[in-house]
Amino acid sequence: MLTVDALKELGANTDEGLARCMNNEAFYLRMVGMGLGDAGFGKLEDAIGRGDYKAAFEEAHALKGITTNLSLTPISKPVSELTDILRPQQPVECSGLLKEIKEQYAKFKALLD
């Protein structure tokens, strides 16, 4: 169940996230739900798999904004790192970061079920 406490247990900086949402818990949780429902996570993996590093960078950059604004730190940290290495939009080994992002995303996404 998606709650502030559950997010905090997974490592989200909920105090910071709530502050960005005017300390409105319902609004924050709605934004987190929308962010975790964003298709960008799948699109990122797909773009990397296709070798489309321009699209991969764009998806990573968008996800960086979403996850950072919501203070979903366990996801935003590896997404930020991935964004940086994809910035040149050239082939790069990123399977380790992608795996970490997928694992963290799955933990947070499970809160929506």
PDB file of N, CA and C in Angstrom:
ATOM      1  N   MET A   1       0.838  -1.179   0.000  1.00  0.00           N
ATOM      2  CA  MET A   1       0.000   0.000   0.000  1.00  0.00           C
ATOM      3  C   MET A   1       0.881   1.240   0.000  1.00  0.00           C
ATOM      4  N   LEU A   2       0.540   2.183  -0.823  1.00  0.00           N
ATOM      5  CA  LEU A   2       1.318   3.403  -0.956  1.00  0.00           C
ATOM      6  C   LEU A   2       1.000   4.343   0.208  1.00  0.00           C
ATOM      7  N   THR A   3       1.967   4.483   1.096  1.00  0.00           N
ATOM      8  CA  THR A   3       1.869   5.405   2.221  1.00  0.00           C
ATOM      9  C   THR A   3       3.207   6.115   2.374  1.00  0.00           C
ATOM     10  N   VAL A   4       3.190   7.195   3.103  1.00  0.00           N
ATOM     11  CA  VAL A   4       4.430   7.916   3.375  1.00  0.00           C
ATOM     12  C   VAL A   4       5.384   7.009   4.145  1.00  0.00           C
ATOM     13  N   ASP A   5       4.864   6.275   5.118  1.00  0.00           N
ATOM     14  CA  ASP A   5       5.723   5.378   5.902  1.00  0.00           C
ATOM     15  C   ASP A   5       6.346   4.287   5.033  1.00  0.00           C
ATOM     16  N   ALA A   6       5.565   3.729   4.113  1.00  0.00           N
ATOM     17  CA  ALA A   6       6.092   2.681   3.227  1.00  0.00           C
ATOM     18  C   ALA A   6       7.179   3.250   2.316  1.00  0.00           C
ATOM     19  N   LEU A   7       6.980   4.448   1.822  1.00  0.00           N
ATOM     20  CA  LEU A   7       7.995   5.090   0.987  1.00  0.00           C
ATOM     21  C   LEU A   7       9.269   5.339   1.786  1.00  0.00           C
ATOM     22  N   LYS A   8       9.091   5.794   3.007  1.00  0.00           N
ATOM     23  CA  LYS A   8      10.233   6.062   3.880  1.00  0.00           C
ATOM     24  C   LYS A   8      11.013   4.781   4.158  1.00  0.00           C
ATOM     25  N   GLU A   9      10.302   3.674   4.366  1.00  0.00           N
ATOM     26  CA  GLU A   9      10.966   2.389   4.615  1.00  0.00           C
ATOM     27  C   GLU A   9      11.824   1.952   3.431  1.00  0.00           C
ATOM     28  N   LEU A  10      11.424   2.344   2.223  1.00  0.00           N
ATOM     29  CA  LEU A  10      12.193   1.984   1.033  1.00  0.00           C
ATOM     30  C   LEU A  10      13.333   2.965   0.756  1.00  0.00           C
ATOM     31  N   GLY A  11      13.440   4.003   1.571  1.00  0.00           N
ATOM     32  CA  GLY A  11      14.553   4.935   1.438  1.00  0.00           C
ATOM     33  C   GLY A  11      14.226   6.276   0.814  1.00  0.00           C
ATOM     34  N   ALA A  12      12.957   6.518   0.526  1.00  0.00           N
ATOM     35  CA  ALA A  12      12.571   7.819  -0.027  1.00  0.00           C
ATOM     36  C   ALA A  12      12.726   8.896   1.043  1.00  0.00           C
ATOM     37  N   ASN A  13      13.134  10.063   0.629  1.00  0.00           N
ATOM     38  CA  ASN A  13      13.232  11.202   1.543  1.00  0.00           C
ATOM     39  C   ASN A  13      11.868  11.892   1.541  1.00  0.00           C
ATOM     40  N   THR A  14      10.940  11.319   2.288  1.00  0.00           N
ATOM     41  CA  THR A  14       9.556  11.791   2.241  1.00  0.00           C
ATOM     42  C   THR A  14       9.393  13.197   2.807  1.00  0.00           C
ATOM     43  N   ASP A  15      10.227  13.579   3.752  1.00  0.00           N
ATOM     44  CA  ASP A  15      10.130  14.943   4.284  1.00  0.00           C
ATOM     45  C   ASP A  15      10.390  15.952   3.166  1.00  0.00           C
ATOM     46  N   GLU A  16      11.413  15.694   2.384  1.00  0.00           N
ATOM     47  CA  GLU A  16      11.754  16.572   1.265  1.00  0.00           C
ATOM     48  C   GLU A  16      10.664  16.522   0.190  1.00  0.00           C
ATOM     49  N   GLY A  17      10.194  15.328  -0.132  1.00  0.00           N
ATOM     50  CA  GLY A  17       9.144  15.176  -1.138  1.00  0.00           C
ATOM     51  C   GLY A  17       7.859  15.875  -0.730  1.00  0.00           C
ATOM     52  N   LEU A  18       7.492  15.704   0.526  1.00  0.00           N
ATOM     53  CA  LEU A  18       6.287  16.371   1.024  1.00  0.00           C
ATOM     54  C   LEU A  18       6.443  17.887   0.981  1.00  0.00           C
ATOM     55  N   ALA A  19       7.620  18.383   1.325  1.00  0.00           N
ATOM     56  CA  ALA A  19       7.860  19.829   1.299  1.00  0.00           C
ATOM     57  C   ALA A  19       7.663  20.381  -0.113  1.00  0.00           C
ATOM     58  N   ARG A  20       8.090  19.614  -1.113  1.00  0.00           N
ATOM     59  CA  ARG A  20       7.900  20.048  -2.505  1.00  0.00           C
ATOM     60  C   ARG A  20       6.430  20.051  -2.901  1.00  0.00           C
ATOM     61  N   CYS A  21       5.633  19.310  -2.155  1.00  0.00           N
ATOM     62  CA  CYS A  21       4.188  19.218  -2.437  1.00  0.00           C
ATOM     63  C   CYS A  21       3.385  19.979  -1.392  1.00  0.00           C
ATOM     64  N   MET A  22       3.981  21.027  -0.854  1.00  0.00           N
ATOM     65  CA  MET A  22       3.317  21.908   0.111  1.00  0.00           C
ATOM     66  C   MET A  22       2.815  21.156   1.337  1.00  0.00           C
ATOM     67  N   ASN A  23       3.523  20.075   1.704  1.00  0.00           N
ATOM     68  CA  ASN A  23       3.182  19.227   2.847  1.00  0.00           C
ATOM     69  C   ASN A  23       1.771  18.654   2.754  1.00  0.00           C
ATOM     70  N   ASN A  24       1.294  18.506   1.541  1.00  0.00           N
ATOM     71  CA  ASN A  24      -0.016  17.914   1.294  1.00  0.00           C
ATOM     72  C   ASN A  24       0.208  16.432   0.979  1.00  0.00           C
ATOM     73  N   GLU A  25      -0.019  15.592   1.977  1.00  0.00           N
ATOM     74  CA  GLU A  25       0.275  14.168   1.855  1.00  0.00           C
ATOM     75  C   GLU A  25      -0.498  13.501   0.715  1.00  0.00           C
ATOM     76  N   ALA A  26      -1.767  13.808   0.584  1.00  0.00           N
ATOM     77  CA  ALA A  26      -2.576  13.202  -0.475  1.00  0.00           C
ATOM     78  C   ALA A  26      -2.038  13.580  -1.849  1.00  0.00           C
ATOM     79  N   PHE A  27      -1.651  14.846  -2.000  1.00  0.00           N
ATOM     80  CA  PHE A  27      -1.093  15.312  -3.271  1.00  0.00           C
ATOM     81  C   PHE A  27       0.235  14.602  -3.555  1.00  0.00           C
ATOM     82  N   TYR A  28       1.091  14.517  -2.549  1.00  0.00           N
ATOM     83  CA  TYR A  28       2.389  13.854  -2.702  1.00  0.00           C
ATOM     84  C   TYR A  28       2.205  12.400  -3.127  1.00  0.00           C
ATOM     85  N   LEU A  29       1.326  11.689  -2.440  1.00  0.00           N
ATOM     86  CA  LEU A  29       1.100  10.284  -2.775  1.00  0.00           C
ATOM     87  C   LEU A  29       0.509  10.128  -4.173  1.00  0.00           C
ATOM     88  N   ARG A  30      -0.344  11.041  -4.566  1.00  0.00           N
ATOM     89  CA  ARG A  30      -0.901  11.001  -5.926  1.00  0.00           C
ATOM     90  C   ARG A  30       0.210  11.213  -6.951  1.00  0.00           C
ATOM     91  N   MET A  31       1.111  12.159  -6.687  1.00  0.00           N
ATOM     92  CA  MET A  31       2.223  12.415  -7.599  1.00  0.00           C
ATOM     93  C   MET A  31       3.176  11.218  -7.668  1.00  0.00           C
ATOM     94  N   VAL A  32       3.422  10.598  -6.527  1.00  0.00           N
ATOM     95  CA  VAL A  32       4.280   9.402  -6.517  1.00  0.00           C
ATOM     96  C   VAL A  32       3.635   8.301  -7.346  1.00  0.00           C
ATOM     97  N   GLY A  33       2.342   8.099  -7.166  1.00  0.00           N
ATOM     98  CA  GLY A  33       1.630   7.090  -7.956  1.00  0.00           C
ATOM     99  C   GLY A  33       1.719   7.365  -9.438  1.00  0.00           C
ATOM    100  N   MET A  34       1.562   8.620  -9.807  1.00  0.00           N
ATOM    101  CA  MET A  34       1.660   8.996 -11.220  1.00  0.00           C
ATOM    102  C   MET A  34       3.088   8.799 -11.724  1.00  0.00           C
ATOM    103  N   GLY A  35       4.062   9.170 -10.907  1.00  0.00           N
ATOM    104  CA  GLY A  35       5.467   9.020 -11.302  1.00  0.00           C
ATOM    105  C   GLY A  35       5.859   7.567 -11.493  1.00  0.00           C
ATOM    106  N   LEU A  36       5.387   6.710 -10.598  1.00  0.00           N
ATOM    107  CA  LEU A  36       5.703   5.289 -10.705  1.00  0.00           C
ATOM    108  C   LEU A  36       4.937   4.632 -11.846  1.00  0.00           C
ATOM    109  N   GLY A  37       3.860   5.241 -12.254  1.00  0.00           N
ATOM    110  CA  GLY A  37       3.093   4.720 -13.375  1.00  0.00           C
ATOM    111  C   GLY A  37       3.593   5.228 -14.719  1.00  0.00           C
ATOM    112  N   ASP A  38       4.582   6.101 -14.707  1.00  0.00           N
ATOM    113  CA  ASP A  38       5.113   6.676 -15.931  1.00  0.00           C
ATOM    114  C   ASP A  38       5.711   5.588 -16.819  1.00  0.00           C
ATOM    115  N   ALA A  39       5.423   5.636 -18.084  1.00  0.00           N
ATOM    116  CA  ALA A  39       5.914   4.630 -19.037  1.00  0.00           C
ATOM    117  C   ALA A  39       7.406   4.780 -19.321  1.00  0.00           C
ATOM    118  N   GLY A  40       8.012   5.820 -18.831  1.00  0.00           N
ATOM    119  CA  GLY A  40       9.424   6.080 -19.103  1.00  0.00           C
ATOM    120  C   GLY A  40      10.363   4.990 -18.665  1.00  0.00           C
ATOM    121  N   PHE A  41      10.014   4.276 -17.601  1.00  0.00           N
ATOM    122  CA  PHE A  41      10.892   3.207 -17.134  1.00  0.00           C
ATOM    123  C   PHE A  41      11.024   2.117 -18.196  1.00  0.00           C
ATOM    124  N   GLY A  42       9.924   1.706 -18.765  1.00  0.00           N
ATOM    125  CA  GLY A  42       9.951   0.707 -19.832  1.00  0.00           C
ATOM    126  C   GLY A  42      10.588   1.243 -21.097  1.00  0.00           C
ATOM    127  N   LYS A  43      10.303   2.500 -21.408  1.00  0.00           N
ATOM    128  CA  LYS A  43      10.869   3.113 -22.605  1.00  0.00           C
ATOM    129  C   LYS A  43      12.388   3.235 -22.503  1.00  0.00           C
ATOM    130  N   LEU A  44      12.886   3.508 -21.286  1.00  0.00           N
ATOM    131  CA  LEU A  44      14.332   3.605 -21.073  1.00  0.00           C
ATOM    132  C   LEU A  44      14.998   2.276 -21.390  1.00  0.00           C
ATOM    133  N   GLU A  45      14.482   1.226 -20.821  1.00  0.00           N
ATOM    134  CA  GLU A  45      15.054  -0.103 -21.048  1.00  0.00           C
ATOM    135  C   GLU A  45      14.970  -0.481 -22.529  1.00  0.00           C
ATOM    136  N   ASP A  46      13.853  -0.180 -23.151  1.00  0.00           N
ATOM    137  CA  ASP A  46      13.672  -0.488 -24.561  1.00  0.00           C
ATOM    138  C   ASP A  46      14.669   0.285 -25.433  1.00  0.00           C
ATOM    139  N   ALA A  47      14.839   1.555 -25.151  1.00  0.00           N
ATOM    140  CA  ALA A  47      15.761   2.386 -25.942  1.00  0.00           C
ATOM    141  C   ALA A  47      17.194   1.879 -25.821  1.00  0.00           C
ATOM    142  N   ILE A  48      17.596   1.505 -24.613  1.00  0.00           N
ATOM    143  CA  ILE A  48      18.944   0.965 -24.428  1.00  0.00           C
ATOM    144  C   ILE A  48      19.080  -0.354 -25.195  1.00  0.00           C
ATOM    145  N   GLY A  49      18.070  -1.190 -25.108  1.00  0.00           N
ATOM    146  CA  GLY A  49      18.086  -2.464 -25.820  1.00  0.00           C
ATOM    147  C   GLY A  49      18.196  -2.295 -27.327  1.00  0.00           C
ATOM    148  N   ARG A  50      17.593  -1.251 -27.873  1.00  0.00           N
ATOM    149  CA  ARG A  50      17.650  -0.959 -29.309  1.00  0.00           C
ATOM    150  C   ARG A  50      18.936  -0.250 -29.705  1.00  0.00           C
ATOM    151  N   GLY A  51      19.684   0.203 -28.706  1.00  0.00           N
ATOM    152  CA  GLY A  51      20.887   0.977 -28.999  1.00  0.00           C
ATOM    153  C   GLY A  51      20.579   2.406 -29.394  1.00  0.00           C
ATOM    154  N   ASP A  52      19.403   2.902 -29.031  1.00  0.00           N
ATOM    155  CA  ASP A  52      19.008   4.280 -29.322  1.00  0.00           C
ATOM    156  C   ASP A  52      19.377   5.140 -28.112  1.00  0.00           C
ATOM    157  N   TYR A  53      20.638   5.580 -28.094  1.00  0.00           N
ATOM    158  CA  TYR A  53      21.150   6.283 -26.928  1.00  0.00           C
ATOM    159  C   TYR A  53      20.615   7.702 -26.805  1.00  0.00           C
ATOM    160  N   LYS A  54      20.160   8.282 -27.891  1.00  0.00           N
ATOM    161  CA  LYS A  54      19.514   9.595 -27.808  1.00  0.00           C
ATOM    162  C   LYS A  54      18.188   9.457 -27.055  1.00  0.00           C
ATOM    163  N   ALA A  55      17.361   8.491 -27.437  1.00  0.00           N
ATOM    164  CA  ALA A  55      16.088   8.261 -26.754  1.00  0.00           C
ATOM    165  C   ALA A  55      16.324   7.815 -25.315  1.00  0.00           C
ATOM    166  N   ALA A  56      17.348   6.994 -25.099  1.00  0.00           N
ATOM    167  CA  ALA A  56      17.657   6.526 -23.741  1.00  0.00           C
ATOM    168  C   ALA A  56      18.025   7.707 -22.848  1.00  0.00           C
ATOM    169  N   PHE A  57      18.833   8.627 -23.370  1.00  0.00           N
ATOM    170  CA  PHE A  57      19.192   9.811 -22.594  1.00  0.00           C
ATOM    171  C   PHE A  57      17.960  10.637 -22.261  1.00  0.00           C
ATOM    172  N   GLU A  58      17.097  10.841 -23.245  1.00  0.00           N
ATOM    173  CA  GLU A  58      15.896  11.647 -23.017  1.00  0.00           C
ATOM    174  C   GLU A  58      14.990  11.011 -21.964  1.00  0.00           C
ATOM    175  N   GLU A  59      14.816   9.696 -22.014  1.00  0.00           N
ATOM    176  CA  GLU A  59      13.987   9.005 -21.018  1.00  0.00           C
ATOM    177  C   GLU A  59      14.639   9.066 -19.640  1.00  0.00           C
ATOM    178  N   ALA A  60      15.939   8.841 -19.582  1.00  0.00           N
ATOM    179  CA  ALA A  60      16.648   8.890 -18.292  1.00  0.00           C
ATOM    180  C   ALA A  60      16.552  10.296 -17.695  1.00  0.00           C
ATOM    181  N   HIS A  61      16.712  11.306 -18.531  1.00  0.00           N
ATOM    182  CA  HIS A  61      16.658  12.690 -18.047  1.00  0.00           C
ATOM    183  C   HIS A  61      15.271  13.012 -17.487  1.00  0.00           C
ATOM    184  N   ALA A  62      14.231  12.575 -18.182  1.00  0.00           N
ATOM    185  CA  ALA A  62      12.864  12.803 -17.694  1.00  0.00           C
ATOM    186  C   ALA A  62      12.625  12.066 -16.382  1.00  0.00           C
ATOM    187  N   LEU A  63      13.082  10.832 -16.297  1.00  0.00           N
ATOM    188  CA  LEU A  63      12.914  10.056 -15.061  1.00  0.00           C
ATOM    189  C   LEU A  63      13.718  10.650 -13.913  1.00  0.00           C
ATOM    190  N   LYS A  64      14.853  11.206 -14.229  1.00  0.00           N
ATOM    191  CA  LYS A  64      15.658  11.883 -13.202  1.00  0.00           C
ATOM    192  C   LYS A  64      14.843  13.012 -12.582  1.00  0.00           C
ATOM    193  N   GLY A  65      14.178  13.795 -13.426  1.00  0.00           N
ATOM    194  CA  GLY A  65      13.353  14.896 -12.915  1.00  0.00           C
ATOM    195  C   GLY A  65      12.208  14.402 -12.058  1.00  0.00           C
ATOM    196  N   ILE A  66      11.521  13.386 -12.536  1.00  0.00           N
ATOM    197  CA  ILE A  66      10.381  12.842 -11.784  1.00  0.00           C
ATOM    198  C   ILE A  66      10.819  12.298 -10.443  1.00  0.00           C
ATOM    199  N   THR A  67      11.815  11.416 -10.455  1.00  0.00           N
ATOM    200  CA  THR A  67      12.206  10.739  -9.217  1.00  0.00           C
ATOM    201  C   THR A  67      12.917  11.673  -8.242  1.00  0.00           C
ATOM    202  N   THR A  68      13.633  12.655  -8.768  1.00  0.00           N
ATOM    203  CA  THR A  68      14.298  13.621  -7.884  1.00  0.00           C
ATOM    204  C   THR A  68      13.274  14.540  -7.235  1.00  0.00           C
ATOM    205  N   ASN A  69      12.323  15.042  -8.002  1.00  0.00           N
ATOM    206  CA  ASN A  69      11.301  15.918  -7.435  1.00  0.00           C
ATOM    207  C   ASN A  69      10.459  15.212  -6.386  1.00  0.00           C
ATOM    208  N   LEU A  70      10.255  13.912  -6.547  1.00  0.00           N
ATOM    209  CA  LEU A  70       9.472  13.149  -5.574  1.00  0.00           C
ATOM    210  C   LEU A  70      10.345  12.595  -4.451  1.00  0.00           C
ATOM    211  N   SER A  71      11.634  12.827  -4.536  1.00  0.00           N
ATOM    212  CA  SER A  71      12.608  12.377  -3.527  1.00  0.00           C
ATOM    213  C   SER A  71      12.606  10.860  -3.358  1.00  0.00           C
ATOM    214  N   LEU A  72      12.477  10.153  -4.475  1.00  0.00           N
ATOM    215  CA  LEU A  72      12.561   8.694  -4.471  1.00  0.00           C
ATOM    216  C   LEU A  72      14.033   8.317  -4.662  1.00  0.00           C
ATOM    217  N   THR A  73      14.827   8.644  -3.670  1.00  0.00           N
ATOM    218  CA  THR A  73      16.279   8.582  -3.728  1.00  0.00           C
ATOM    219  C   THR A  73      16.844   7.254  -4.217  1.00  0.00           C
ATOM    220  N   PRO A  74      16.325   6.102  -3.769  1.00  0.00           N
ATOM    221  CA  PRO A  74      16.900   4.847  -4.254  1.00  0.00           C
ATOM    222  C   PRO A  74      16.744   4.650  -5.764  1.00  0.00           C
ATOM    223  N   ILE A  75      15.804   5.343  -6.371  1.00  0.00           N
ATOM    224  CA  ILE A  75      15.665   5.292  -7.830  1.00  0.00           C
ATOM    225  C   ILE A  75      16.401   6.470  -8.461  1.00  0.00           C
ATOM    226  N   SER A  76      16.256   7.645  -7.881  1.00  0.00           N
ATOM    227  CA  SER A  76      16.822   8.846  -8.508  1.00  0.00           C
ATOM    228  C   SER A  76      18.341   8.819  -8.564  1.00  0.00           C
ATOM    229  N   LYS A  77      18.977   8.201  -7.588  1.00  0.00           N
ATOM    230  CA  LYS A  77      20.449   8.160  -7.586  1.00  0.00           C
ATOM    231  C   LYS A  77      20.985   7.396  -8.795  1.00  0.00           C
ATOM    232  N   PRO A  78      20.577   6.149  -9.020  1.00  0.00           N
ATOM    233  CA  PRO A  78      21.102   5.464 -10.216  1.00  0.00           C
ATOM    234  C   PRO A  78      20.591   6.066 -11.521  1.00  0.00           C
ATOM    235  N   VAL A  79      19.379   6.628 -11.519  1.00  0.00           N
ATOM    236  CA  VAL A  79      18.873   7.279 -12.739  1.00  0.00           C
ATOM    237  C   VAL A  79      19.730   8.501 -13.061  1.00  0.00           C
ATOM    238  N   SER A  80      20.133   9.245 -12.049  1.00  0.00           N
ATOM    239  CA  SER A  80      21.000  10.413 -12.268  1.00  0.00           C
ATOM    240  C   SER A  80      22.348   9.992 -12.840  1.00  0.00           C
ATOM    241  N   GLU A  81      22.902   8.909 -12.283  1.00  0.00           N
ATOM    242  CA  GLU A  81      24.177   8.396 -12.793  1.00  0.00           C
ATOM    243  C   GLU A  81      24.031   7.952 -14.248  1.00  0.00           C
ATOM    244  N   LEU A  82      22.936   7.269 -14.543  1.00  0.00           N
ATOM    245  CA  LEU A  82      22.701   6.802 -15.903  1.00  0.00           C
ATOM    246  C   LEU A  82      22.536   7.979 -16.864  1.00  0.00           C
ATOM    247  N   THR A  83      21.825   9.001 -16.418  1.00  0.00           N
ATOM    248  CA  THR A  83      21.647  10.199 -17.244  1.00  0.00           C
ATOM    249  C   THR A  83      23.004  10.791 -17.610  1.00  0.00           C
ATOM    250  N   ASP A  84      23.884  10.863 -16.633  1.00  0.00           N
ATOM    251  CA  ASP A  84      25.208  11.439 -16.879  1.00  0.00           C
ATOM    252  C   ASP A  84      26.007  10.624 -17.894  1.00  0.00           C
ATOM    253  N   ILE A  85      25.965   9.296 -17.794  1.00  0.00           N
ATOM    254  CA  ILE A  85      26.778   8.515 -18.729  1.00  0.00           C
ATOM    255  C   ILE A  85      26.129   8.424 -20.117  1.00  0.00           C
ATOM    256  N   LEU A  86      24.807   8.654 -20.183  1.00  0.00           N
ATOM    257  CA  LEU A  86      24.126   8.652 -21.478  1.00  0.00           C
ATOM    258  C   LEU A  86      24.153  10.010 -22.169  1.00  0.00           C
ATOM    259  N   ARG A  87      24.578  11.032 -21.447  1.00  0.00           N
ATOM    260  CA  ARG A  87      24.553  12.397 -21.990  1.00  0.00           C
ATOM    261  C   ARG A  87      25.244  12.517 -23.357  1.00  0.00           C
ATOM    262  N   PRO A  88      26.379  11.861 -23.583  1.00  0.00           N
ATOM    263  CA  PRO A  88      27.004  11.953 -24.911  1.00  0.00           C
ATOM    264  C   PRO A  88      26.217  11.225 -26.011  1.00  0.00           C
ATOM    265  N   GLN A  89      25.220  10.449 -25.613  1.00  0.00           N
ATOM    266  CA  GLN A  89      24.352   9.726 -26.547  1.00  0.00           C
ATOM    267  C   GLN A  89      25.162   8.797 -27.449  1.00  0.00           C
ATOM    268  N   GLN A  90      26.136   8.137 -26.818  1.00  0.00           N
ATOM    269  CA  GLN A  90      27.013   7.188 -27.495  1.00  0.00           C
ATOM    270  C   GLN A  90      26.872   5.831 -26.800  1.00  0.00           C
ATOM    271  N   PRO A  91      27.197   4.737 -27.512  1.00  0.00           N
ATOM    272  CA  PRO A  91      27.139   3.418 -26.879  1.00  0.00           C
ATOM    273  C   PRO A  91      27.968   3.371 -25.600  1.00  0.00           C
ATOM    274  N   VAL A  92      27.377   2.804 -24.565  1.00  0.00           N
ATOM    275  CA  VAL A  92      28.042   2.730 -23.270  1.00  0.00           C
ATOM    276  C   VAL A  92      27.494   1.522 -22.509  1.00  0.00           C
ATOM    277  N   GLU A  93      28.327   0.915 -21.695  1.00  0.00           N
ATOM    278  CA  GLU A  93      27.892  -0.205 -20.862  1.00  0.00           C
ATOM    279  C   GLU A  93      27.130   0.369 -19.662  1.00  0.00           C
ATOM    280  N   CYS A  94      25.880   0.000 -19.549  1.00  0.00           N
ATOM    281  CA  CYS A  94      25.076   0.540 -18.449  1.00  0.00           C
ATOM    282  C   CYS A  94      24.155  -0.522 -17.851  1.00  0.00           C
ATOM    283  N   SER A  95      24.448  -1.785 -18.090  1.00  0.00           N
ATOM    284  CA  SER A  95      23.560  -2.845 -17.617  1.00  0.00           C
ATOM    285  C   SER A  95      23.468  -2.892 -16.093  1.00  0.00           C
ATOM    286  N   GLY A  96      24.561  -2.579 -15.408  1.00  0.00           N
ATOM    287  CA  GLY A  96      24.538  -2.581 -13.946  1.00  0.00           C
ATOM    288  C   GLY A  96      23.604  -1.525 -13.385  1.00  0.00           C
ATOM    289  N   LEU A  97      23.680  -0.325 -13.925  1.00  0.00           N
ATOM    290  CA  LEU A  97      22.792   0.749 -13.477  1.00  0.00           C
ATOM    291  C   LEU A  97      21.351   0.454 -13.848  1.00  0.00           C
ATOM    292  N   LEU A  98      21.138  -0.066 -15.044  1.00  0.00           N
ATOM    293  CA  LEU A  98      19.782  -0.390 -15.473  1.00  0.00           C
ATOM    294  C   LEU A  98      19.182  -1.456 -14.563  1.00  0.00           C
ATOM    295  N   LYS A  99      19.977  -2.433 -14.185  1.00  0.00           N
ATOM    296  CA  LYS A  99      19.511  -3.485 -13.270  1.00  0.00           C
ATOM    297  C   LYS A  99      19.127  -2.889 -11.915  1.00  0.00           C
ATOM    298  N   GLU A 100      19.973  -2.005 -11.400  1.00  0.00           N
ATOM    299  CA  GLU A 100      19.681  -1.359 -10.112  1.00  0.00           C
ATOM    300  C   GLU A 100      18.398  -0.533 -10.180  1.00  0.00           C
ATOM    301  N   ILE A 101      18.217   0.202 -11.268  1.00  0.00           N
ATOM    302  CA  ILE A 101      17.010   1.015 -11.449  1.00  0.00           C
ATOM    303  C   ILE A 101      15.779   0.114 -11.475  1.00  0.00           C
ATOM    304  N   LYS A 102      15.852  -0.971 -12.236  1.00  0.00           N
ATOM    305  CA  LYS A 102      14.719  -1.897 -12.339  1.00  0.00           C
ATOM    306  C   LYS A 102      14.375  -2.510 -10.985  1.00  0.00           C
ATOM    307  N   GLU A 103      15.393  -2.899 -10.221  1.00  0.00           N
ATOM    308  CA  GLU A 103      15.154  -3.495  -8.902  1.00  0.00           C
ATOM    309  C   GLU A 103      14.499  -2.502  -7.954  1.00  0.00           C
ATOM    310  N   GLN A 104      15.018  -1.285  -7.924  1.00  0.00           N
ATOM    311  CA  GLN A 104      14.448  -0.273  -7.035  1.00  0.00           C
ATOM    312  C   GLN A 104      13.040   0.109  -7.489  1.00  0.00           C
ATOM    313  N   TYR A 105      12.863   0.278  -8.784  1.00  0.00           N
ATOM    314  CA  TYR A 105      11.552   0.620  -9.320  1.00  0.00           C
ATOM    315  C   TYR A 105      10.531  -0.443  -8.942  1.00  0.00           C
ATOM    316  N   ALA A 106      10.901  -1.718  -9.044  1.00  0.00           N
ATOM    317  CA  ALA A 106       9.988  -2.811  -8.714  1.00  0.00           C
ATOM    318  C   ALA A 106       9.549  -2.743  -7.250  1.00  0.00           C
ATOM    319  N   LYS A 107      10.469  -2.401  -6.362  1.00  0.00           N
ATOM    320  CA  LYS A 107      10.127  -2.282  -4.939  1.00  0.00           C
ATOM    321  C   LYS A 107       9.091  -1.184  -4.713  1.00  0.00           C
ATOM    322  N   PHE A 108       9.326  -0.037  -5.324  1.00  0.00           N
ATOM    323  CA  PHE A 108       8.394   1.080  -5.161  1.00  0.00           C
ATOM    324  C   PHE A 108       7.074   0.813  -5.869  1.00  0.00           C
ATOM    325  N   LYS A 109       7.150   0.255  -7.059  1.00  0.00           N
ATOM    326  CA  LYS A 109       5.942  -0.043  -7.844  1.00  0.00           C
ATOM    327  C   LYS A 109       5.034  -1.031  -7.103  1.00  0.00           C
ATOM    328  N   ALA A 110       5.633  -1.946  -6.342  1.00  0.00           N
ATOM    329  CA  ALA A 110       4.859  -2.929  -5.583  1.00  0.00           C
ATOM    330  C   ALA A 110       3.927  -2.257  -4.567  1.00  0.00           C
ATOM    331  N   LEU A 111       4.258  -1.051  -4.154  1.00  0.00           N
ATOM    332  CA  LEU A 111       3.412  -0.325  -3.213  1.00  0.00           C
ATOM    333  C   LEU A 111       2.084   0.086  -3.836  1.00  0.00           C
ATOM    334  N   LEU A 112       2.032   0.115  -5.161  1.00  0.00           N
ATOM    335  CA  LEU A 112       0.803   0.510  -5.846  1.00  0.00           C
ATOM    336  C   LEU A 112      -0.201  -0.633  -5.949  1.00  0.00           C
ATOM    337  N   ASP A 113       0.273  -1.853  -5.772  1.00  0.00           N
ATOM    338  CA  ASP A 113      -0.626  -3.030  -5.908  1.00  0.00           C
ATOM    339  C   ASP A 113      -1.500  -3.224  -4.689  1.00  0.00           C
TER     340      ASP A 113
END
